[in-house]
Protein backbone atom coordinates (compact mmCIF):
# COMPACT_ATOMS: atom_id res chain seq x y z
CA MET A 1 108.90 62.79 146.82
CA PRO A 2 110.98 60.29 144.71
CA PRO A 3 113.59 58.25 146.61
CA SER A 4 117.18 59.54 146.58
CA THR A 5 118.35 56.81 144.21
CA GLU A 6 115.75 57.89 141.65
CA ILE A 7 116.76 61.57 142.05
CA ASP A 8 120.41 60.63 141.58
CA ALA A 9 119.54 58.72 138.42
CA ILE A 10 117.59 61.71 137.04
CA LEU A 11 120.46 64.11 137.82
CA ALA A 12 122.99 61.75 136.22
CA SER A 13 120.86 61.50 133.11
CA VAL A 14 120.55 65.29 132.87
CA ALA A 15 124.32 65.72 133.30
CA GLU A 16 125.04 63.07 130.68
CA SER A 17 122.70 64.70 128.17
CA ALA A 18 124.36 68.09 128.78
CA VAL A 19 127.82 66.63 128.17
CA GLU A 20 126.66 64.97 124.96
CA ARG A 21 124.95 68.17 123.79
CA GLN A 22 128.11 70.16 124.46
CA ARG A 23 130.15 67.60 122.52
CA LEU A 24 127.84 67.98 119.53
CA LEU A 25 127.83 71.76 119.93
CA LEU A 26 131.64 71.86 119.91
CA ALA A 27 131.77 69.75 116.74
CA TRP A 28 129.23 72.07 115.09
CA ILE A 29 131.15 75.22 116.08
CA GLU A 30 134.38 73.73 114.70
CA GLN A 31 132.55 73.00 111.45
CA GLN A 32 130.88 76.43 111.19
CA GLN A 33 133.84 78.37 112.70
CA ARG A 34 131.48 81.06 114.09
CA VAL A 35 127.95 80.72 115.49
CA SER A 36 125.44 82.94 117.27
CA VAL A 37 123.21 82.10 120.23
CA PRO A 38 120.04 82.27 118.07
CA GLU A 39 121.61 79.84 115.60
CA ILE A 40 122.44 77.46 118.45
CA THR A 41 118.94 77.61 119.92
CA ALA A 42 117.43 76.85 116.51
CA HIS A 43 119.87 74.07 115.63
CA PHE A 44 119.69 72.23 118.98
CA ALA A 45 116.15 73.21 120.05
CA ILE A 46 117.32 74.61 123.39
CA SER A 47 116.68 77.85 125.24
CA PRO A 48 119.05 80.85 124.94
CA ALA A 49 119.97 80.41 128.62
CA THR A 50 120.99 76.79 128.03
CA ALA A 51 122.94 77.78 124.92
CA ARG A 52 124.87 80.43 126.86
CA ARG A 53 125.62 77.99 129.71
CA ASP A 54 126.96 75.46 127.22
CA LEU A 55 129.12 78.11 125.57
CA GLU A 56 130.49 79.26 128.93
CA THR A 57 131.36 75.67 129.82
CA LEU A 58 133.19 75.09 126.54
CA ALA A 59 134.98 78.43 126.79
CA ALA A 60 136.13 77.68 130.36
CA GLU A 61 137.65 74.44 129.04
CA GLY A 62 139.51 76.37 126.35
CA LYS A 63 137.66 74.60 123.55
CA ILE A 64 136.03 77.69 122.00
CA ARG A 65 136.29 81.46 122.30
CA ARG A 66 133.29 83.49 123.40
CA VAL A 67 132.47 86.58 121.36
CA HIS A 68 129.58 89.02 121.59
CA GLY A 69 126.39 87.13 120.84
CA GLY A 70 127.99 83.75 120.25
CA ALA A 71 131.30 81.92 119.87
CA ILE A 72 134.09 81.14 117.42
CA ALA A 73 136.19 78.01 117.03
CA VAL A 74 139.71 77.82 118.44
CA ARG A 75 142.28 77.07 115.75
CA ARG A 76 144.31 74.05 116.80
CA ALA A 77 147.95 73.81 115.83
CA PRO A 78 148.53 70.69 113.73
CA PRO A 79 150.84 67.93 115.00
CA GLU A 80 154.45 69.11 114.93
CA PRO A 81 156.65 67.36 112.35
CA PRO A 82 160.33 66.57 113.04
CA VAL A 83 162.61 69.59 113.31
CA LEU A 84 164.56 68.98 110.09
CA GLN A 85 161.31 68.77 108.13
CA ARG A 86 160.10 72.02 109.71
CA ALA A 87 163.27 73.77 108.56
CA LEU A 88 161.81 73.73 105.04
CA GLU A 89 158.50 75.30 106.11
CA GLN A 90 158.18 79.11 105.88
CA ALA A 91 161.93 79.17 105.24
CA ASP A 92 162.03 82.72 103.85
CA GLU A 93 159.95 84.09 106.73
CA LYS A 94 162.19 82.38 109.28
CA LYS A 95 165.30 83.91 107.72
CA ARG A 96 163.79 87.39 107.86
CA ILE A 97 162.60 86.89 111.44
CA ALA A 98 166.04 85.62 112.44
CA ALA A 99 167.74 88.66 110.93
CA VAL A 100 165.56 91.03 112.97
CA ALA A 101 165.96 88.99 116.18
CA ALA A 102 169.75 88.76 115.78
CA GLY A 103 169.80 92.54 115.47
CA LEU A 104 168.46 92.72 119.03
CA ILE A 105 171.57 90.93 120.36
CA ALA A 106 174.70 92.96 121.12
CA ASP A 107 178.30 91.86 121.51
CA GLY A 108 179.23 90.97 125.07
CA GLU A 109 175.79 89.75 126.11
CA THR A 110 174.83 86.48 127.77
CA ILE A 111 171.81 84.93 126.08
CA PHE A 112 169.78 81.70 125.95
CA LEU A 113 168.78 80.20 122.61
CA SER A 114 165.95 77.66 122.80
CA SER A 115 165.31 74.79 120.41
CA GLY A 116 163.52 75.11 117.08
CA THR A 117 164.24 75.98 113.47
CA THR A 118 163.70 79.75 113.71
CA VAL A 119 166.07 79.97 116.67
CA MET A 120 168.56 77.91 114.67
CA GLU A 121 168.43 80.63 112.00
CA VAL A 122 169.08 83.25 114.69
CA ALA A 123 172.15 81.31 115.83
CA HIS A 124 173.46 81.27 112.26
CA ARG A 125 173.42 85.07 112.25
CA LEU A 126 175.37 85.34 115.50
CA ARG A 127 178.53 83.61 114.29
CA GLU A 128 180.39 86.88 113.74
CA ARG A 129 179.61 88.34 117.18
CA HIS A 130 182.28 89.08 119.75
CA ASN A 131 182.42 88.10 123.41
CA LEU A 132 178.98 86.52 123.22
CA THR A 133 177.97 83.80 125.72
CA VAL A 134 175.21 81.44 124.58
CA PHE A 135 173.40 78.93 126.78
CA THR A 136 171.31 76.40 124.87
CA ASN A 137 169.66 73.00 124.99
CA SER A 138 169.57 72.77 121.18
CA LEU A 139 172.00 70.60 119.23
CA LEU A 140 171.10 72.60 116.10
CA VAL A 141 172.28 75.81 117.81
CA VAL A 142 175.53 74.13 118.84
CA ASN A 143 176.13 73.04 115.25
CA GLU A 144 175.50 76.56 113.95
CA LEU A 145 177.85 78.23 116.46
CA ALA A 146 180.59 75.59 116.61
CA GLY A 147 183.91 77.18 115.72
CA ALA A 148 182.67 80.78 115.95
CA PRO A 149 185.69 82.45 117.56
CA GLY A 150 183.83 85.18 119.43
CA VAL A 151 181.04 82.98 120.80
CA GLU A 152 181.24 80.78 123.89
CA VAL A 153 178.58 78.06 123.74
CA ILE A 154 177.42 76.27 126.88
CA LEU A 155 175.27 73.20 126.17
CA LEU A 156 172.96 72.00 128.91
CA GLY A 157 172.99 68.29 129.70
CA GLY A 158 169.99 66.01 129.45
CA VAL A 159 168.25 63.36 127.42
CA VAL A 160 168.28 63.80 123.64
CA ARG A 161 164.83 64.37 122.14
CA ALA A 162 165.61 63.16 118.63
CA SER A 163 162.61 64.72 116.84
CA GLU A 164 163.62 68.18 118.08
CA SER A 165 167.42 67.71 118.27
CA SER A 166 167.22 69.13 121.79
CA LEU A 167 168.06 68.09 125.33
CA VAL A 168 165.29 67.69 127.90
CA GLY A 169 164.67 66.05 131.26
CA ALA A 170 165.75 66.37 134.88
CA LEU A 171 169.39 67.18 134.14
CA THR A 172 168.39 70.03 131.84
CA LEU A 173 165.95 71.43 134.40
CA ARG A 174 168.58 71.23 137.13
CA ALA A 175 171.11 73.12 135.01
CA LEU A 176 168.61 75.90 134.31
CA THR A 177 168.22 76.68 138.02
CA GLU A 178 171.84 77.89 138.04
CA LEU A 179 171.61 80.10 134.95
CA ARG A 180 170.67 83.72 134.29
CA ALA A 181 170.56 85.34 130.86
CA LEU A 182 170.12 88.90 129.73
CA LYS A 183 167.95 87.78 126.82
CA VAL A 184 166.12 84.59 125.88
CA ILE A 185 165.43 83.93 122.19
CA PHE A 186 162.53 81.52 122.23
CA GLY A 187 160.58 79.58 119.61
CA ILE A 188 157.03 78.40 120.30
CA ARG A 189 154.48 76.16 118.63
CA ALA A 190 151.37 78.33 119.06
CA ILE A 191 150.34 81.78 120.31
CA ASP A 192 146.73 82.66 121.15
CA LEU A 193 145.32 85.88 122.56
CA GLU A 194 143.46 84.02 125.31
CA GLN A 195 145.39 80.75 125.77
CA GLY A 196 148.84 82.36 125.60
CA LEU A 197 151.89 80.29 124.63
CA THR A 198 151.30 76.56 124.08
CA ASN A 199 153.38 73.63 122.89
CA ASN A 200 152.62 70.03 121.95
CA SER A 201 155.09 68.18 124.21
CA LEU A 202 154.55 68.01 127.96
CA GLU A 203 158.21 67.31 128.73
CA GLU A 204 159.45 70.15 126.55
CA SER A 205 156.79 72.52 127.87
CA LEU A 206 157.95 71.96 131.46
CA LEU A 207 161.45 72.89 130.30
CA ASP A 208 160.13 75.88 128.34
CA ARG A 209 158.59 77.35 131.50
CA GLU A 210 161.96 77.26 133.26
CA ILE A 211 163.76 78.74 130.25
CA LEU A 212 161.36 81.71 130.26
CA ARG A 213 162.12 82.32 133.95
CA ILE A 214 165.88 82.83 133.51
CA GLY A 215 165.77 85.75 131.08
CA SER A 216 165.54 89.46 131.84
CA GLU A 217 164.09 90.02 128.36
CA ILE A 218 162.03 87.42 126.46
CA ILE A 219 162.13 87.60 122.66
CA ILE A 220 159.70 85.24 120.93
CA VAL A 221 160.41 84.33 117.30
CA ALA A 222 157.35 82.93 115.52
CA ASP A 223 156.17 83.05 111.92
CA HIS A 224 152.57 83.86 111.04
CA THR A 225 151.43 80.21 111.07
CA LYS A 226 151.94 80.13 114.86
CA LEU A 227 149.64 83.08 115.60
CA GLY A 228 146.01 82.59 116.54
CA ARG A 229 146.53 78.90 117.26
CA VAL A 230 146.44 76.69 120.34
CA SER A 231 148.46 73.53 120.95
CA THR A 232 147.95 70.90 123.62
CA VAL A 233 150.13 72.00 126.57
CA PHE A 234 150.09 75.43 128.25
CA VAL A 235 153.53 77.05 128.57
CA ALA A 236 153.04 80.65 129.72
CA PRO A 237 150.68 83.65 129.53
CA LEU A 238 151.25 86.39 126.98
CA ASP A 239 152.60 88.79 129.59
CA VAL A 240 155.94 86.95 129.67
CA ILE A 241 156.68 88.30 126.17
CA ASP A 242 158.73 91.47 125.85
CA VAL A 243 159.30 91.30 122.09
CA LEU A 244 157.61 89.21 119.41
CA VAL A 245 159.32 88.98 116.02
CA THR A 246 157.01 87.70 113.28
CA ASP A 247 156.54 88.18 109.54
CA THR A 248 154.45 90.33 107.22
CA ASN A 249 151.73 87.67 106.88
CA ALA A 250 150.86 87.86 110.57
CA PRO A 251 147.12 88.64 111.05
CA ALA A 252 146.82 92.40 111.56
CA GLU A 253 144.14 92.10 114.26
CA ILE A 254 146.32 89.77 116.33
CA VAL A 255 149.35 92.03 115.95
CA GLN A 256 147.26 95.02 117.05
CA SER A 257 145.85 93.16 120.07
CA LEU A 258 149.34 92.09 121.16
CA ARG A 259 150.60 95.66 120.90
CA GLU A 260 147.65 96.86 122.96
CA LYS A 261 148.79 94.41 125.64
CA GLY A 262 152.16 96.19 125.75
CA ILE A 263 154.12 93.67 123.66
CA ASP A 264 156.71 95.09 121.27
CA VAL A 265 155.84 93.38 117.95
CA ARG A 266 158.49 93.56 115.23
CA ILE A 267 157.51 92.67 111.66
CA ALA A 268 160.23 91.11 109.51
């Protein structure tokens, strides 16, 4: 029997080769977008059992999505540009989404408006409301609602995140523990059927989780480019969503799957 040091070296070599093979497999799946187990076995000269184990490992890490007989690539959300630049992207869709979302808000309610350009559009459509109380950490929301006679705006304290024109940090988190809102209007970077809601900033994602906890009803506003994508930081599972407002270009299969999960999807 080989000495333990030799066995350890053999095991380490096997593990290293598996990691490298999985790295190459992931790159190939991202290039091909969809692959089957027979294609993997032929391309990498491995057994079907090894191919399935590699796929299960990559799927558990959230790097691919397993489907019957193979796997498909996970669409990654691109890096998020500054908020004022994003205001020009999908502008028409955001206006339509905002109109539908604003229609879900009634006079006299207490709501939370998160940061983001689509939520900013929602705020613009609430200026004529009466006896409305709005909590927010977004400077863009404050600018939209400043001077609206029937709207009381309460801005949370914190550190200014310039790229998002929002307030984040310990002070913001502390303020959220004291708040309760009937409805939360919430923008998000990416929505995936398996990975749920994800964002690309750790600090903002920690805040997002607390924002989602204070609302009795969670209304997500997200244009079609956010659906079927995954960003870098997990925020919350899909079951936190009560209503999703998106646009007519949203992938039909994703909309159907969300509705089957009990989410009220509104198309603007």
